[in-house]
Amino acid sequence: MEFLKVLLIIIEATTSLLIVGLVLIQRSKSEGMGLAFGSGAGESLFGARAGNVLSRATAVLAVVFLLTTLSLGILYSHKKTTLMDSIKSEPPVPVSSSAATPQDLKLPTTPTTSTNQP
């Protein structure tokens, strides 16, 4: 089970980096970051339909990312104990009806300094 969790985390990290890369490579309407990273090279590599290939690859990676995220959520939600099980339930301490006096509290005393120093 631990191997599956580690494998899904690796797949998720890889797909997230690939999605970021593909989004940056794609051409925008104003030729923003895509031109800076040489999207013209991507067009010559994939042909005239580069937008379709990159958009489709982004969509496929987004689906893979979604599926791995859901799988990791399901795997990590199946724990044998919950947070409430780990809290020890102790009976509450009864409060006395009489008010506590300063002698009962045993507060530390602060030394007083005299203002008449030689």
Protein backbone atom coordinates (compact mmCIF):
# COMPACT_ATOMS: atom_id res chain seq x y z
CA MET A 1 0.00 0.00 0.00
CA GLU A 2 2.85 2.38 0.80
CA PHE A 3 4.45 1.64 -2.58
CA LEU A 4 1.20 2.63 -4.32
CA LYS A 5 1.05 5.90 -2.36
CA VAL A 6 4.64 6.77 -3.25
CA LEU A 7 4.07 5.87 -6.91
CA LEU A 8 0.95 8.05 -7.10
CA ILE A 9 2.78 10.96 -5.47
CA ILE A 10 5.58 10.67 -8.04
CA ILE A 11 3.05 10.53 -10.90
CA GLU A 12 1.21 13.54 -9.51
CA ALA A 13 4.36 15.62 -9.13
CA THR A 14 5.50 14.71 -12.65
CA THR A 15 2.15 15.51 -14.24
CA SER A 16 1.91 18.82 -12.42
CA LEU A 17 5.31 19.88 -13.73
CA LEU A 18 4.41 18.74 -17.24
CA ILE A 19 1.13 20.68 -17.12
CA VAL A 20 2.98 23.83 -16.10
CA GLY A 21 5.46 23.32 -18.93
CA LEU A 22 2.77 22.69 -21.53
CA VAL A 23 0.77 25.72 -20.48
CA LEU A 24 3.84 27.93 -20.75
CA ILE A 25 4.73 26.57 -24.20
CA GLN A 26 1.27 27.09 -25.68
CA ARG A 27 0.65 30.17 -27.72
CA SER A 28 -1.50 32.81 -26.23
CA LYS A 29 -3.51 35.30 -28.21
CA SER A 30 -0.95 37.98 -27.52
CA GLU A 31 2.08 35.70 -27.99
CA GLY A 32 3.07 36.08 -24.33
CA MET A 33 5.27 33.47 -22.62
CA GLY A 34 4.91 31.02 -25.48
CA LEU A 35 7.02 33.24 -27.72
CA ALA A 36 9.66 33.70 -25.02
CA PHE A 37 10.16 29.94 -24.72
CA GLY A 38 10.26 29.41 -28.46
CA SER A 39 6.81 28.17 -29.31
CA GLY A 40 7.75 28.56 -32.95
CA ALA A 41 9.98 25.52 -32.47
CA GLY A 42 7.01 23.64 -31.07
CA GLU A 43 4.99 24.54 -34.13
CA SER A 44 7.65 23.24 -36.49
CA LEU A 45 7.97 20.09 -34.39
CA PHE A 46 4.25 19.28 -34.29
CA GLY A 47 3.26 20.87 -37.59
CA ALA A 48 0.50 23.34 -38.24
CA ARG A 49 -1.79 21.65 -35.70
CA ALA A 50 0.52 22.32 -32.73
CA GLY A 51 -2.25 24.07 -30.81
CA ASN A 52 -4.45 21.02 -31.01
CA VAL A 53 -1.68 18.64 -29.95
CA LEU A 54 -0.58 20.78 -27.02
CA SER A 55 -4.16 21.44 -25.91
CA ARG A 56 -5.00 17.76 -26.08
CA ALA A 57 -1.85 16.81 -24.15
CA THR A 58 -2.72 19.38 -21.49
CA ALA A 59 -6.24 17.97 -21.19
CA VAL A 60 -4.93 14.39 -20.88
CA LEU A 61 -2.42 15.41 -18.21
CA ALA A 62 -5.15 17.30 -16.36
CA VAL A 63 -7.28 14.14 -16.26
CA VAL A 64 -4.30 12.09 -15.02
CA PHE A 65 -3.64 14.74 -12.35
CA LEU A 66 -7.28 14.67 -11.26
CA LEU A 67 -7.37 10.88 -11.05
CA THR A 68 -4.16 10.65 -9.04
CA THR A 69 -5.39 13.37 -6.68
CA LEU A 70 -8.65 11.52 -6.08
CA SER A 71 -6.81 8.22 -5.62
CA LEU A 72 -4.42 9.74 -3.09
CA GLY A 73 -7.34 11.29 -1.24
CA ILE A 74 -9.09 7.94 -1.02
CA LEU A 75 -5.92 6.09 0.03
CA TYR A 76 -5.04 8.56 2.75
CA SER A 77 -8.60 8.71 4.08
CA HIS A 78 -8.65 5.02 5.05
CA LYS A 79 -6.92 5.24 8.41
CA LYS A 80 -7.74 2.87 11.23
CA THR A 81 -7.92 5.66 13.81
CA THR A 82 -9.37 9.09 13.63
CA LEU A 83 -8.37 12.26 15.38
CA MET A 84 -11.20 11.87 17.88
CA ASP A 85 -10.05 8.34 18.75
CA SER A 86 -6.61 9.61 19.67
CA ILE A 87 -7.97 12.12 22.20
CA LYS A 88 -8.18 10.58 25.65
CA SER A 89 -11.53 11.19 27.22
CA GLU A 90 -11.11 12.01 30.87
CA PRO A 91 -13.96 13.06 33.10
CA PRO A 92 -14.10 16.80 33.69
CA VAL A 93 -12.73 18.13 36.97
CA PRO A 94 -15.54 19.48 39.16
CA VAL A 95 -15.29 23.16 40.00
CA SER A 96 -15.62 24.04 43.67
CA SER A 97 -18.30 26.50 44.63
CA SER A 98 -16.06 28.57 46.89
CA ALA A 99 -13.90 31.24 45.33
CA ALA A 100 -10.16 30.69 45.39
CA THR A 101 -8.19 33.02 47.62
CA PRO A 102 -4.75 34.36 46.69
CA GLN A 103 -3.21 32.06 49.34
CA ASP A 104 -4.75 29.05 47.60
CA LEU A 105 -3.32 30.08 44.24
CA LYS A 106 0.24 30.45 45.58
CA LEU A 107 1.18 33.15 43.14
CA PRO A 108 4.84 34.15 42.96
CA THR A 109 5.57 37.39 44.68
CA THR A 110 7.59 40.07 43.02
CA PRO A 111 10.19 41.83 45.13
CA THR A 112 9.48 45.47 45.75
CA THR A 113 12.21 47.93 45.05
CA SER A 114 12.68 50.94 47.22
CA THR A 115 13.00 54.30 45.57
CA ASN A 116 15.31 55.63 48.31
CA GLN A 117 18.61 54.17 47.18
CA PRO A 118 21.87 55.76 48.46
